Amino acid sequence: MKISAGETVFCTYRKGWWGAHVGTVVAPGTDPALWNGLNSEAHYCEVTGKLPVQYDWGLMHDTVANLIPCYLCPACGAINVDAWEDEDLAHGVYHMPGASCFDYQCGKCQTYFCNADSPIMAEVYTHIPQR
């Protein structure tokens, strides 16, 4: 799974730390002078399998395997995570009930939504002309 800069992620490793485990991935720096003088932050991330994630309380480098992309509900704005974790209602993070592999259901308001490029959005299903 490819996670890119700008994506909102849920960190399973940090779950419960200071009440903040949802952050935004930032692009790692490429200037060695700003990192340790020898290698760049991007090199460190590549070698260690980590990504820089900006949380409300600071920037941390988290292992990619511990990061799960989040989906914002278009109806209520709730943060939804497609993971088999307990709901973390105290921090506004909801588990998405399984709908299908192409669409999602908000764990808070139960609204169904899907990605714009999802196969379920094809003209044959929606009957809305795509041209």
Protein backbone atom coordinates (compact mmCIF):
# COMPACT_ATOMS: atom_id res chain seq x y z
CA MET A 1 0.00 0.00 0.00
CA LYS A 2 1.39 3.38 -1.04
CA ILE A 3 0.90 6.27 1.34
CA SER A 4 1.69 9.74 0.02
CA ALA A 5 2.40 13.12 1.56
CA GLY A 6 -0.80 14.93 2.48
CA GLU A 7 -2.76 11.80 3.41
CA THR A 8 -4.46 11.55 6.78
CA VAL A 9 -3.38 8.37 8.57
CA PHE A 10 -4.19 6.41 11.71
CA CYS A 11 -1.15 5.03 13.57
CA THR A 12 -1.82 1.69 15.21
CA TYR A 13 1.44 1.91 17.16
CA ARG A 14 0.61 5.27 18.74
CA LYS A 15 -3.04 4.44 19.47
CA GLY A 16 -3.86 6.14 22.73
CA TRP A 17 -0.61 8.12 23.09
CA TRP A 18 -1.56 11.58 24.34
CA GLY A 19 -4.97 11.07 22.77
CA ALA A 20 -3.59 11.75 19.29
CA HIS A 21 -2.92 9.00 16.79
CA VAL A 22 -4.34 10.57 13.63
CA GLY A 23 -1.93 12.73 11.67
CA THR A 24 -0.94 13.93 8.23
CA VAL A 25 1.97 12.47 6.28
CA VAL A 26 4.48 15.12 5.22
CA ALA A 27 7.12 14.88 2.50
CA PRO A 28 10.53 14.01 3.94
CA GLY A 29 13.25 16.59 3.44
CA THR A 30 16.03 16.02 0.92
CA ASP A 31 18.69 18.35 2.35
CA PRO A 32 21.27 16.50 4.50
CA ALA A 33 22.21 19.78 6.23
CA LEU A 34 18.72 19.99 7.71
CA TRP A 35 18.72 16.37 8.93
CA ASN A 36 22.05 15.12 10.31
CA GLY A 37 24.65 16.59 7.98
CA LEU A 38 25.40 13.26 6.27
CA ASN A 39 22.13 11.89 4.95
CA SER A 40 18.77 13.42 4.19
CA GLU A 41 15.51 12.75 6.00
CA ALA A 42 14.25 11.12 2.77
CA HIS A 43 17.23 8.70 2.86
CA TYR A 44 16.53 7.87 6.52
CA CYS A 45 12.86 7.18 5.69
CA GLU A 46 13.76 4.98 2.73
CA VAL A 47 16.27 2.90 4.72
CA THR A 48 14.08 2.50 7.83
CA GLY A 49 10.67 2.13 6.16
CA LYS A 50 9.27 5.15 8.00
CA LEU A 51 7.36 8.27 7.03
CA PRO A 52 7.22 11.64 8.79
CA VAL A 53 3.75 12.20 10.27
CA GLN A 54 2.62 15.54 11.67
CA TYR A 55 0.39 15.08 14.71
CA ASP A 56 -1.28 17.86 16.71
CA TRP A 57 1.48 17.50 19.30
CA GLY A 58 4.50 17.20 16.98
CA LEU A 59 6.28 15.46 14.12
CA MET A 60 7.18 11.76 14.46
CA HIS A 61 8.65 9.18 12.08
CA ASP A 62 6.36 6.15 12.04
CA THR A 63 6.79 2.76 10.37
CA VAL A 64 4.70 2.50 7.19
CA ALA A 65 3.32 -0.86 8.35
CA ASN A 66 1.68 0.92 11.33
CA LEU A 67 -0.05 3.57 9.21
CA ILE A 68 -3.58 3.08 7.89
CA PRO A 69 -5.17 5.66 5.55
CA CYS A 70 -8.20 7.49 6.97
CA TYR A 71 -11.33 8.49 5.11
CA LEU A 72 -13.32 11.59 5.96
CA CYS A 73 -17.08 11.16 5.77
CA PRO A 74 -18.49 13.65 3.24
CA ALA A 75 -21.72 13.97 5.26
CA CYS A 76 -20.57 14.45 8.87
CA GLY A 77 -16.78 14.91 8.55
CA ALA A 78 -15.97 12.02 10.91
CA ILE A 79 -12.58 10.33 10.59
CA ASN A 80 -13.09 6.70 9.55
CA VAL A 81 -10.47 3.97 9.59
CA ASP A 82 -10.75 0.70 7.70
CA ALA A 83 -9.15 -1.42 10.42
CA TRP A 84 -10.21 -4.04 12.91
CA GLU A 85 -9.65 -1.78 15.89
CA ASP A 86 -12.02 -0.76 18.63
CA GLU A 87 -13.82 2.49 18.00
CA ASP A 88 -11.99 5.37 19.59
CA LEU A 89 -14.96 7.64 20.15
CA ALA A 90 -13.10 9.78 22.67
CA HIS A 91 -10.88 11.02 19.84
CA GLY A 92 -13.47 11.05 17.07
CA VAL A 93 -12.14 8.04 15.17
CA TYR A 94 -14.64 5.47 13.91
CA HIS A 95 -14.28 1.99 12.45
CA MET A 96 -15.88 1.67 9.02
CA PRO A 97 -18.27 -1.27 8.88
CA GLY A 98 -17.58 -3.45 5.84
CA ALA A 99 -19.72 -2.38 2.92
CA SER A 100 -17.79 -3.70 -0.07
CA CYS A 101 -14.30 -3.43 -1.47
CA PHE A 102 -15.31 -0.34 -3.46
CA ASP A 103 -17.46 1.71 -1.12
CA TYR A 104 -17.43 2.65 2.54
CA GLN A 105 -19.89 3.32 5.31
CA CYS A 106 -19.30 5.96 7.96
CA GLY A 107 -19.05 4.44 11.42
CA LYS A 108 -20.68 7.53 12.94
CA CYS A 109 -23.61 8.54 10.69
CA GLN A 110 -23.84 5.36 8.56
CA THR A 111 -23.62 7.34 5.28
CA TYR A 112 -22.34 5.32 2.31
CA PHE A 113 -19.57 6.88 0.21
CA CYS A 114 -16.92 5.76 -2.26
CA ASN A 115 -13.88 7.03 -4.08
CA ALA A 116 -14.52 8.95 -7.30
CA ASP A 117 -12.34 6.51 -9.28
CA SER A 118 -14.05 3.44 -7.82
CA PRO A 119 -15.35 0.87 -10.33
CA ILE A 120 -18.74 1.14 -8.62
CA MET A 121 -18.94 4.73 -9.98
CA ALA A 122 -18.83 3.45 -13.59
CA GLU A 123 -21.56 4.61 -15.94
CA VAL A 124 -22.97 1.10 -16.20
CA TYR A 125 -23.87 1.23 -12.47
CA THR A 126 -24.73 4.89 -11.96
CA HIS A 127 -26.42 5.50 -15.34
CA ILE A 128 -24.82 8.95 -15.26
CA PRO A 129 -22.93 9.73 -18.50
CA GLN A 130 -19.21 10.04 -17.81
CA ARG A 131 -18.46 12.08 -20.95
